[in-house]
């Protein structure tokens, strides 16, 4: 019976997102060819779309599972981290490196915070917020646009990237504030 819950449509989409990460990296590092950047961005967009669909379908089809709740955020973080590393490699400037560090650092911090709060039985205190969803939208859009590597689109990508950074910091502060009563307790 466990396999029935494991191999549902939302989980298959999440697994597909994980499997698209090596494809994304391979495309980015192949010798240059026409449409390489557009194809790389397209793979990222496909992965980002599966992120939205797996959650939507899990709720709509009542196919939530422990495996999906575990793998979905891991897949998201791996995909974003891989894409940010590619962006830093493509554009090794402080204007890309700092946002990449902020975004990856926030993801590690909030993952650790959620794990710790779950140990206390208070995971709901740091559940995904609306700001977190806006952050994800800005972040995914920025990364997709910047992967295209087109001078006209880069400006839009940078604006979205910095909006994502602001929302990243804001959402992290919201989560830390929610957890602060437990974080500040003496042992």
N, C-alpha and C. Protein backbone atom coordinates (compact mmCIF):
# COMPACT_ATOMS: atom_id res chain seq x y z
N UNK A 1 0.82 -1.20 0.00
CA UNK A 1 0.00 0.00 0.00
C UNK A 1 0.86 1.26 0.00
N UNK A 2 2.04 1.20 0.62
CA UNK A 2 2.90 2.37 0.69
C UNK A 2 3.35 2.81 -0.70
N UNK A 3 3.59 1.84 -1.59
CA UNK A 3 4.02 2.19 -2.94
C UNK A 3 2.95 2.96 -3.70
N UNK A 4 1.68 2.66 -3.42
CA UNK A 4 0.59 3.37 -4.07
C UNK A 4 0.69 4.86 -3.75
N UNK A 5 1.01 5.18 -2.51
CA UNK A 5 1.14 6.58 -2.11
C UNK A 5 2.42 7.19 -2.63
N UNK A 6 3.46 6.37 -2.80
CA UNK A 6 4.74 6.87 -3.28
C UNK A 6 4.66 7.25 -4.76
N UNK A 7 4.04 6.41 -5.56
CA UNK A 7 4.01 6.63 -7.00
C UNK A 7 2.72 7.29 -7.45
N UNK A 8 2.40 8.43 -6.85
CA UNK A 8 1.25 9.20 -7.32
C UNK A 8 1.75 10.34 -8.21
N UNK A 9 0.86 11.02 -8.88
CA UNK A 9 1.24 12.05 -9.84
C UNK A 9 2.06 13.17 -9.19
N UNK A 10 1.65 13.71 -8.04
CA UNK A 10 2.48 14.77 -7.44
C UNK A 10 3.90 14.31 -7.13
N UNK A 11 4.06 13.11 -6.61
CA UNK A 11 5.41 12.62 -6.30
C UNK A 11 6.23 12.37 -7.55
N UNK A 12 5.59 11.89 -8.60
CA UNK A 12 6.29 11.68 -9.87
C UNK A 12 6.79 13.01 -10.41
N UNK A 13 5.97 14.06 -10.30
CA UNK A 13 6.40 15.39 -10.73
C UNK A 13 7.59 15.89 -9.90
N UNK A 14 7.55 15.63 -8.61
CA UNK A 14 8.66 16.05 -7.74
C UNK A 14 9.93 15.29 -8.09
N UNK A 15 9.81 13.99 -8.32
CA UNK A 15 10.97 13.19 -8.72
C UNK A 15 11.50 13.69 -10.07
N UNK A 16 10.59 14.02 -10.97
CA UNK A 16 10.99 14.56 -12.26
C UNK A 16 11.80 15.85 -12.08
N UNK A 17 11.38 16.68 -11.13
CA UNK A 17 12.10 17.93 -10.87
C UNK A 17 13.54 17.65 -10.41
N UNK A 18 13.70 16.65 -9.55
CA UNK A 18 15.04 16.27 -9.10
C UNK A 18 15.86 15.76 -10.29
N UNK A 19 15.24 14.96 -11.15
CA UNK A 19 15.95 14.41 -12.30
C UNK A 19 16.29 15.47 -13.34
N UNK A 20 15.57 16.59 -13.34
CA UNK A 20 15.87 17.67 -14.27
C UNK A 20 17.10 18.47 -13.84
N UNK A 21 17.53 18.35 -12.60
CA UNK A 21 18.70 19.11 -12.13
C UNK A 21 19.95 18.73 -12.91
N UNK A 22 20.30 17.44 -13.05
CA UNK A 22 21.49 17.13 -13.86
C UNK A 22 21.34 17.55 -15.32
N UNK A 23 20.11 17.52 -15.83
CA UNK A 23 19.88 17.97 -17.21
C UNK A 23 20.18 19.46 -17.31
N UNK A 24 19.70 20.22 -16.34
CA UNK A 24 19.96 21.67 -16.29
C UNK A 24 21.46 21.95 -16.27
N UNK A 25 22.17 21.26 -15.39
CA UNK A 25 23.61 21.46 -15.26
C UNK A 25 24.34 21.05 -16.54
N UNK A 26 23.98 19.90 -17.08
CA UNK A 26 24.61 19.43 -18.32
C UNK A 26 24.41 20.44 -19.45
N UNK A 27 23.19 20.91 -19.63
CA UNK A 27 22.93 21.89 -20.69
C UNK A 27 23.75 23.16 -20.49
N UNK A 28 23.87 23.60 -19.25
CA UNK A 28 24.60 24.84 -18.96
C UNK A 28 26.09 24.71 -19.25
N UNK A 29 26.63 23.50 -19.10
CA UNK A 29 28.08 23.33 -19.23
C UNK A 29 28.53 22.61 -20.49
N UNK A 30 27.60 22.28 -21.35
CA UNK A 30 27.98 21.72 -22.66
C UNK A 30 28.72 22.80 -23.46
N UNK A 31 29.55 22.37 -24.41
CA UNK A 31 30.14 23.39 -25.30
C UNK A 31 29.01 24.21 -25.94
N UNK A 32 29.29 25.49 -26.14
CA UNK A 32 28.26 26.42 -26.62
C UNK A 32 27.61 25.93 -27.91
N UNK A 33 26.30 26.11 -27.98
CA UNK A 33 25.54 25.82 -29.19
C UNK A 33 24.36 26.79 -29.23
N UNK A 34 23.81 27.02 -30.43
CA UNK A 34 22.67 27.95 -30.52
C UNK A 34 21.52 27.49 -29.62
N UNK A 35 20.88 28.41 -29.01
CA UNK A 35 19.72 28.18 -28.15
C UNK A 35 20.08 27.51 -26.83
N UNK A 36 21.36 27.39 -26.53
CA UNK A 36 21.78 26.73 -25.29
C UNK A 36 21.17 27.41 -24.06
N UNK A 37 21.28 28.73 -24.01
CA UNK A 37 20.78 29.44 -22.83
C UNK A 37 19.25 29.37 -22.75
N UNK A 38 18.60 29.48 -23.88
CA UNK A 38 17.14 29.37 -23.90
C UNK A 38 16.68 27.99 -23.49
N UNK A 39 17.38 26.98 -23.94
CA UNK A 39 17.04 25.61 -23.58
C UNK A 39 17.28 25.36 -22.08
N UNK A 40 18.39 25.88 -21.58
CA UNK A 40 18.69 25.75 -20.15
C UNK A 40 17.59 26.43 -19.33
N UNK A 41 17.22 27.64 -19.73
CA UNK A 41 16.14 28.35 -19.04
C UNK A 41 14.82 27.58 -19.15
N UNK A 42 14.59 26.98 -20.31
CA UNK A 42 13.36 26.20 -20.51
C UNK A 42 13.28 25.00 -19.57
N UNK A 43 14.40 24.32 -19.37
CA UNK A 43 14.42 23.19 -18.44
C UNK A 43 14.14 23.68 -17.02
N UNK A 44 14.72 24.83 -16.66
CA UNK A 44 14.45 25.39 -15.34
C UNK A 44 12.97 25.75 -15.19
N UNK A 45 12.40 26.36 -16.21
CA UNK A 45 10.97 26.73 -16.16
C UNK A 45 10.11 25.47 -16.04
N UNK A 46 10.44 24.43 -16.78
CA UNK A 46 9.70 23.17 -16.68
C UNK A 46 9.76 22.64 -15.24
N UNK A 47 10.95 22.67 -14.66
CA UNK A 47 11.10 22.21 -13.27
C UNK A 47 10.28 23.09 -12.32
N UNK A 48 10.31 24.41 -12.54
CA UNK A 48 9.55 25.32 -11.69
C UNK A 48 8.05 25.09 -11.81
N UNK A 49 7.60 24.78 -13.01
CA UNK A 49 6.17 24.49 -13.22
C UNK A 49 5.77 23.22 -12.47
N UNK A 50 6.65 22.22 -12.48
CA UNK A 50 6.32 21.00 -11.73
C UNK A 50 6.21 21.28 -10.24
N UNK A 51 6.95 22.29 -9.76
CA UNK A 51 6.87 22.67 -8.35
C UNK A 51 5.46 23.15 -8.02
N UNK A 52 4.90 23.97 -8.89
CA UNK A 52 3.54 24.46 -8.64
C UNK A 52 2.52 23.33 -8.79
N UNK A 53 2.66 22.54 -9.87
CA UNK A 53 1.68 21.50 -10.15
C UNK A 53 1.68 20.39 -9.11
N UNK A 54 2.84 19.99 -8.59
CA UNK A 54 2.82 18.86 -7.66
C UNK A 54 2.04 19.22 -6.40
N UNK A 55 2.22 20.44 -5.89
CA UNK A 55 1.47 20.85 -4.71
C UNK A 55 -0.02 20.99 -5.00
N UNK A 56 -0.33 21.59 -6.15
CA UNK A 56 -1.73 21.76 -6.53
C UNK A 56 -2.42 20.40 -6.68
N UNK A 57 -1.77 19.48 -7.39
CA UNK A 57 -2.37 18.16 -7.62
C UNK A 57 -2.45 17.34 -6.34
N UNK A 58 -1.46 17.48 -5.46
CA UNK A 58 -1.51 16.74 -4.20
C UNK A 58 -2.76 17.14 -3.41
N UNK A 59 -3.08 18.44 -3.42
CA UNK A 59 -4.27 18.90 -2.71
C UNK A 59 -5.55 18.54 -3.47
N UNK A 60 -5.55 18.81 -4.79
CA UNK A 60 -6.76 18.59 -5.59
C UNK A 60 -7.14 17.12 -5.68
N UNK A 61 -6.15 16.25 -5.76
CA UNK A 61 -6.41 14.81 -5.89
C UNK A 61 -6.35 14.08 -4.55
N UNK A 62 -6.15 14.86 -3.49
CA UNK A 62 -6.01 14.29 -2.15
C UNK A 62 -4.92 13.20 -2.14
N UNK A 63 -3.76 13.56 -2.72
CA UNK A 63 -2.66 12.61 -2.83
C UNK A 63 -1.42 13.08 -2.06
N UNK A 64 -1.63 13.79 -0.98
CA UNK A 64 -0.50 14.19 -0.14
C UNK A 64 0.12 12.94 0.47
N UNK A 65 1.44 13.00 0.63
CA UNK A 65 2.13 11.86 1.24
C UNK A 65 3.32 12.38 2.04
N UNK A 66 3.77 11.57 2.97
CA UNK A 66 4.95 11.93 3.76
C UNK A 66 6.15 12.08 2.83
N UNK A 67 6.28 11.19 1.86
CA UNK A 67 7.39 11.26 0.91
C UNK A 67 7.36 12.58 0.14
N UNK A 68 6.19 12.98 -0.32
CA UNK A 68 6.04 14.23 -1.06
C UNK A 68 6.34 15.44 -0.19
N UNK A 69 5.86 15.43 1.05
CA UNK A 69 6.12 16.55 1.96
C UNK A 69 7.61 16.66 2.27
N UNK A 70 8.31 15.53 2.26
CA UNK A 70 9.76 15.55 2.46
C UNK A 70 10.48 16.01 1.20
N UNK A 71 10.20 15.36 0.05
CA UNK A 71 10.99 15.57 -1.15
C UNK A 71 10.71 16.90 -1.83
N UNK A 72 9.49 17.40 -1.78
CA UNK A 72 9.15 18.63 -2.49
C UNK A 72 10.05 19.80 -2.09
N UNK A 73 10.18 20.14 -0.81
CA UNK A 73 11.06 21.26 -0.48
C UNK A 73 12.54 20.98 -0.77
N UNK A 74 12.94 19.72 -0.65
CA UNK A 74 14.32 19.36 -0.97
C UNK A 74 14.57 19.59 -2.46
N UNK A 75 13.65 19.13 -3.29
CA UNK A 75 13.77 19.30 -4.74
C UNK A 75 13.85 20.78 -5.11
N UNK A 76 13.01 21.59 -4.48
CA UNK A 76 13.01 23.03 -4.75
C UNK A 76 14.36 23.65 -4.43
N UNK A 77 14.88 23.33 -3.26
CA UNK A 77 16.14 23.92 -2.81
C UNK A 77 17.31 23.46 -3.67
N UNK A 78 17.32 22.18 -4.05
CA UNK A 78 18.38 21.67 -4.92
C UNK A 78 18.34 22.34 -6.29
N UNK A 79 17.14 22.47 -6.83
CA UNK A 79 16.98 23.08 -8.14
C UNK A 79 17.43 24.54 -8.12
N UNK A 80 16.99 25.29 -7.13
CA UNK A 80 17.36 26.71 -7.03
C UNK A 80 18.86 26.86 -6.79
N UNK A 81 19.42 26.05 -5.90
CA UNK A 81 20.86 26.15 -5.62
C UNK A 81 21.67 25.84 -6.87
N UNK A 82 21.30 24.80 -7.61
CA UNK A 82 22.02 24.45 -8.84
C UNK A 82 21.95 25.60 -9.85
N UNK A 83 20.76 26.16 -10.02
CA UNK A 83 20.60 27.26 -10.97
C UNK A 83 21.38 28.50 -10.53
N UNK A 84 21.40 28.78 -9.23
CA UNK A 84 22.15 29.94 -8.74
C UNK A 84 23.66 29.74 -8.95
N UNK A 85 24.15 28.53 -8.76
CA UNK A 85 25.57 28.26 -9.02
C UNK A 85 25.88 28.49 -10.50
N UNK A 86 24.99 28.06 -11.37
CA UNK A 86 25.17 28.29 -12.81
C UNK A 86 25.19 29.79 -13.10
N UNK A 87 24.27 30.53 -12.49
CA UNK A 87 24.23 31.98 -12.72
C UNK A 87 25.50 32.66 -12.23
N UNK A 88 26.00 32.24 -11.07
CA UNK A 88 27.23 32.82 -10.54
C UNK A 88 28.40 32.51 -11.48
N UNK A 89 28.42 31.30 -12.01
CA UNK A 89 29.48 30.93 -12.97
C UNK A 89 29.37 31.79 -14.24
N UNK A 90 28.14 31.99 -14.72
CA UNK A 90 27.92 32.76 -15.94
C UNK A 90 28.20 34.26 -15.74
N UNK A 91 27.86 34.75 -14.56
CA UNK A 91 27.98 36.18 -14.27
C UNK A 91 28.64 36.35 -12.90
N UNK A 92 29.95 36.13 -12.82
CA UNK A 92 30.63 36.18 -11.52
C UNK A 92 30.87 37.61 -11.03
N UNK A 93 29.77 38.32 -10.80
CA UNK A 93 29.85 39.68 -10.28
C UNK A 93 29.21 39.71 -8.90
N UNK A 94 29.54 40.73 -8.15
CA UNK A 94 28.97 40.88 -6.82
C UNK A 94 27.45 41.00 -6.88
N UNK A 95 26.93 41.50 -8.00
CA UNK A 95 25.49 41.71 -8.17
C UNK A 95 24.73 40.39 -8.30
N UNK A 96 25.42 39.32 -8.63
CA UNK A 96 24.81 38.00 -8.70
C UNK A 96 25.25 37.15 -7.50
N UNK A 97 26.50 37.28 -7.10
CA UNK A 97 27.03 36.46 -6.02
C UNK A 97 26.31 36.75 -4.69
N UNK A 98 26.15 38.01 -4.34
CA UNK A 98 25.50 38.33 -3.06
C UNK A 98 24.06 37.81 -3.01
N UNK A 99 23.23 38.07 -4.03
CA UNK A 99 21.88 37.49 -3.97
C UNK A 99 21.89 35.96 -3.87
N UNK A 100 22.82 35.31 -4.59
CA UNK A 100 22.90 33.85 -4.53
C UNK A 100 23.22 33.39 -3.11
N UNK A 101 24.18 34.06 -2.47
CA UNK A 101 24.55 33.70 -1.10
C UNK A 101 23.38 33.94 -0.14
N UNK A 102 22.70 35.07 -0.29
CA UNK A 102 21.56 35.38 0.58
C UNK A 102 20.46 34.33 0.42
N UNK A 103 20.13 34.00 -0.81
CA UNK A 103 19.04 33.05 -1.07
C UNK A 103 19.40 31.66 -0.55
N UNK A 104 20.60 31.18 -0.86
CA UNK A 104 21.00 29.85 -0.40
C UNK A 104 21.11 29.82 1.12
N UNK A 105 21.66 30.86 1.71
CA UNK A 105 21.79 30.92 3.17
C UNK A 105 20.43 30.91 3.85
N UNK A 106 19.49 31.63 3.30
CA UNK A 106 18.14 31.65 3.87
C UNK A 106 17.52 30.26 3.81
N UNK A 107 17.69 29.59 2.68
CA UNK A 107 17.09 28.26 2.53
C UNK A 107 17.66 27.28 3.55
N UNK A 108 18.97 27.34 3.76
CA UNK A 108 19.60 26.46 4.75
C UNK A 108 19.09 26.81 6.15
N UNK A 109 19.04 28.10 6.46
CA UNK A 109 18.60 28.55 7.78
C UNK A 109 17.16 28.13 8.06
N UNK A 110 16.28 28.37 7.12
CA UNK A 110 14.86 28.05 7.35
C UNK A 110 14.64 26.54 7.37
N UNK A 111 15.39 25.79 6.56
CA UNK A 111 15.27 24.33 6.63
C UNK A 111 15.67 23.82 8.01
N UNK A 112 16.78 24.34 8.52
CA UNK A 112 17.22 23.93 9.85
C UNK A 112 16.21 24.36 10.91
N UNK A 113 15.67 25.56 10.77
CA UNK A 113 14.67 26.06 11.72
C UNK A 113 13.42 25.18 11.71
N UNK A 114 12.95 24.82 10.52
CA UNK A 114 11.76 23.97 10.42
C UNK A 114 12.02 22.59 11.04
N UNK A 115 13.20 22.05 10.79
CA UNK A 115 13.54 20.75 11.37
C UNK A 115 13.55 20.84 12.90
N UNK A 116 14.17 21.88 13.41
CA UNK A 116 14.25 22.05 14.86
C UNK A 116 12.86 22.27 15.47
N UNK A 117 12.05 23.10 14.82
CA UNK A 117 10.70 23.35 15.33
C UNK A 117 9.86 22.07 15.26
N UNK A 118 10.09 21.24 14.25
CA UNK A 118 9.37 19.97 14.16
C UNK A 118 9.73 19.07 15.34
N UNK A 119 11.00 19.10 15.75
CA UNK A 119 11.41 18.32 16.92
C UNK A 119 10.67 18.77 18.18
N UNK A 120 10.32 20.05 18.22
CA UNK A 120 9.57 20.59 19.36
C UNK A 120 8.07 20.39 19.21
N UNK A 121 7.65 19.86 18.06
CA UNK A 121 6.23 19.68 17.79
C UNK A 121 5.55 20.99 17.41
N UNK A 122 6.33 21.94 16.88
CA UNK A 122 5.79 23.25 16.56
C UNK A 122 6.08 23.65 15.11
N UNK A 123 6.13 22.69 14.24
CA UNK A 123 6.43 22.97 12.82
C UNK A 123 5.44 23.94 12.22
N UNK A 124 4.19 23.89 12.66
CA UNK A 124 3.16 24.78 12.11
C UNK A 124 3.50 26.25 12.37
N UNK A 125 4.31 26.52 13.39
CA UNK A 125 4.70 27.90 13.68
C UNK A 125 5.56 28.50 12.57
N UNK A 126 6.20 27.64 11.78
CA UNK A 126 7.05 28.12 10.69
C UNK A 126 6.59 27.54 9.35
N UNK A 127 5.27 27.44 9.19
CA UNK A 127 4.71 26.95 7.93
C UNK A 127 4.92 28.01 6.85
N UNK A 128 4.83 27.59 5.59
CA UNK A 128 5.03 28.49 4.46
C UNK A 128 4.03 29.63 4.53
N UNK A 129 4.53 30.86 4.34
CA UNK A 129 3.67 32.05 4.39
C UNK A 129 3.42 32.59 2.99
N UNK A 130 2.52 33.55 2.90
CA UNK A 130 2.25 34.20 1.61
C UNK A 130 3.49 34.90 1.09
N UNK A 131 4.27 35.52 1.99
CA UNK A 131 5.50 36.19 1.58
C UNK A 131 6.46 35.16 0.97
N UNK A 132 6.51 33.95 1.58
CA UNK A 132 7.34 32.89 1.05
C UNK A 132 6.94 32.49 -0.36
N UNK A 133 5.64 32.48 -0.62
CA UNK A 133 5.17 32.14 -1.97
C UNK A 133 5.54 33.23 -2.98
N UNK A 134 5.41 34.49 -2.57
CA UNK A 134 5.82 35.60 -3.44
C UNK A 134 7.33 35.55 -3.70
N UNK A 135 8.07 35.24 -2.65
CA UNK A 135 9.53 35.11 -2.77
C UNK A 135 9.87 34.05 -3.80
N UNK A 136 9.21 32.92 -3.72
CA UNK A 136 9.47 31.82 -4.65
C UNK A 136 9.14 32.23 -6.08
N UNK A 137 8.04 32.92 -6.27
CA UNK A 137 7.65 33.37 -7.61
C UNK A 137 8.68 34.34 -8.19
N UNK A 138 9.09 35.32 -7.39
CA UNK A 138 10.09 36.29 -7.87
C UNK A 138 11.42 35.59 -8.15
N UNK A 139 11.79 34.70 -7.26
CA UNK A 139 13.06 33.98 -7.39
C UNK A 139 13.09 33.10 -8.63
N UNK A 140 12.04 32.31 -8.84
CA UNK A 140 11.99 31.42 -10.00
C UNK A 140 11.96 32.22 -11.30
N UNK A 141 11.20 33.32 -11.30
CA UNK A 141 11.13 34.16 -12.50
C UNK A 141 12.48 34.78 -12.80
N UNK A 142 13.13 35.33 -11.77
CA UNK A 142 14.44 35.96 -11.95
C UNK A 142 15.46 34.96 -12.49
N UNK A 143 15.51 33.79 -11.89
CA UNK A 143 16.49 32.79 -12.32
C UNK A 143 16.23 32.37 -13.76
N UNK A 144 14.98 32.12 -14.09
CA UNK A 144 14.65 31.72 -15.47
C UNK A 144 15.07 32.79 -16.47
N UNK A 145 14.75 34.04 -16.16
CA UNK A 145 15.10 35.14 -17.07
C UNK A 145 16.62 35.29 -17.19
N UNK A 146 17.32 35.22 -16.07
CA UNK A 146 18.78 35.39 -16.10
C UNK A 146 19.48 34.21 -16.79
N UNK A 147 18.90 33.04 -16.75
CA UNK A 147 19.49 31.89 -17.46
C UNK A 147 19.46 32.07 -18.97
N UNK A 148 18.51 32.86 -19.46
CA UNK A 148 18.42 33.12 -20.90
C UNK A 148 19.65 33.89 -21.39
N UNK A 149 20.21 34.71 -20.55
CA UNK A 149 21.40 35.51 -20.86
C UNK A 149 21.19 36.40 -22.08
N UNK A 150 20.17 37.22 -22.00
CA UNK A 150 19.89 38.21 -23.04
C UNK A 150 19.95 39.59 -22.40
N UNK A 151 20.74 40.51 -22.98
CA UNK A 151 20.96 41.82 -22.35
C UNK A 151 19.67 42.57 -21.99
N UNK A 152 18.66 42.52 -22.84
CA UNK A 152 17.42 43.23 -22.53
C UNK A 152 16.65 42.56 -21.39
N UNK A 153 16.67 41.25 -21.37
CA UNK A 153 15.96 40.52 -20.32
C UNK A 153 16.72 40.56 -19.00
N UNK A 154 18.04 40.68 -19.06
CA UNK A 154 18.84 40.69 -17.83
C UNK A 154 18.40 41.78 -16.86
N UNK A 155 18.04 42.94 -17.38
CA UNK A 155 17.59 44.04 -16.50
C UNK A 155 16.37 43.62 -15.70
N UNK A 156 15.42 43.01 -16.38
CA UNK A 156 14.21 42.53 -15.69
C UNK A 156 14.60 41.45 -14.69
N UNK A 157 15.48 40.57 -15.11
CA UNK A 157 15.94 39.49 -14.23
C UNK A 157 16.60 40.01 -12.97
N UNK A 158 17.44 41.03 -13.12
CA UNK A 158 18.11 41.61 -11.94
C UNK A 158 17.11 42.27 -11.00
N UNK A 159 16.14 42.98 -11.55
CA UNK A 159 15.11 43.61 -10.71
C UNK A 159 14.36 42.53 -9.93
N UNK A 160 13.95 41.49 -10.62
CA UNK A 160 13.24 40.39 -9.95
C UNK A 160 14.13 39.68 -8.93
N UNK A 161 15.41 39.54 -9.26
CA UNK A 161 16.34 38.90 -8.33
C UNK A 161 16.44 39.70 -7.04
N UNK A 162 16.52 41.01 -7.15
CA UNK A 162 16.62 41.82 -5.94
C UNK A 162 15.29 41.93 -5.19
N UNK A 163 14.18 41.85 -5.91
CA UNK A 163 12.88 41.73 -5.23
C UNK A 163 12.85 40.41 -4.46
N UNK A 164 13.35 39.35 -5.09
CA UNK A 164 13.40 38.04 -4.43
C UNK A 164 14.28 38.10 -3.19
N UNK A 165 15.40 38.81 -3.25
CA UNK A 165 16.29 38.93 -2.10
C UNK A 165 15.59 39.66 -0.95
N UNK A 166 14.89 40.74 -1.28
CA UNK A 166 14.15 41.48 -0.24
C UNK A 166 13.10 40.57 0.39
N UNK A 167 12.34 39.86 -0.45
CA UNK A 167 11.31 38.94 0.07
C UNK A 167 11.94 37.77 0.82
N UNK A 168 13.12 37.36 0.39
CA UNK A 168 13.86 36.28 1.06
C UNK A 168 14.19 36.68 2.49
N UNK A 169 14.74 37.87 2.64
CA UNK A 169 15.11 38.36 3.97
C UNK A 169 13.86 38.59 4.81
N UNK A 170 12.83 39.20 4.21
CA UNK A 170 11.58 39.48 4.91
C UNK A 170 10.94 38.18 5.41
N UNK A 171 10.85 37.19 4.53
CA UNK A 171 10.21 35.94 4.95
C UNK A 171 11.04 35.24 6.03
N UNK A 172 12.37 35.32 5.92
CA UNK A 172 13.22 34.71 6.95
C UNK A 172 12.97 35.38 8.31
N UNK A 173 12.84 36.70 8.30
CA UNK A 173 12.57 37.41 9.55
C UNK A 173 11.22 37.02 10.13
N UNK A 174 10.23 36.81 9.28
CA UNK A 174 8.91 36.37 9.74
C UNK A 174 9.03 35.01 10.42
N UNK A 175 9.74 34.08 9.77
CA UNK A 175 9.91 32.75 10.35
C UNK A 175 10.69 32.80 11.66
N UNK A 176 11.76 33.59 11.68
CA UNK A 176 12.56 33.69 12.91
C UNK A 176 11.77 34.34 14.03
N UNK A 177 10.95 35.33 13.70
CA UNK A 177 10.11 35.97 14.72
C UNK A 177 9.11 34.96 15.30
N UNK A 178 8.53 34.15 14.43
CA UNK A 178 7.57 33.14 14.89
C UNK A 178 8.24 32.11 15.80
N UNK A 179 9.50 31.81 15.52
CA UNK A 179 10.21 30.80 16.30
C UNK A 179 10.96 31.40 17.49
N UNK A 180 11.05 32.74 17.55
CA UNK A 180 11.88 33.38 18.57
C UNK A 180 11.53 32.98 20.01
N UNK A 181 10.25 32.85 20.37
CA UNK A 181 9.97 32.44 21.75
C UNK A 181 10.65 31.12 22.12
N UNK A 182 10.72 30.21 21.17
CA UNK A 182 11.38 28.93 21.44
C UNK A 182 12.90 29.03 21.31
N UNK A 183 13.36 29.86 20.38
CA UNK A 183 14.80 30.04 20.20
C UNK A 183 15.45 30.75 21.40
N UNK A 184 14.70 31.61 22.04
CA UNK A 184 15.27 32.42 23.12
C UNK A 184 15.12 31.81 24.49
N UNK A 185 14.51 30.64 24.57
CA UNK A 185 14.35 29.97 25.87
C UNK A 185 15.70 29.45 26.39
N UNK A 186 15.87 29.53 27.68
CA UNK A 186 17.07 28.93 28.30
C UNK A 186 16.86 27.42 28.36
N UNK A 187 17.97 26.68 28.27
CA UNK A 187 17.88 25.22 28.37
C UNK A 187 17.54 24.78 29.78
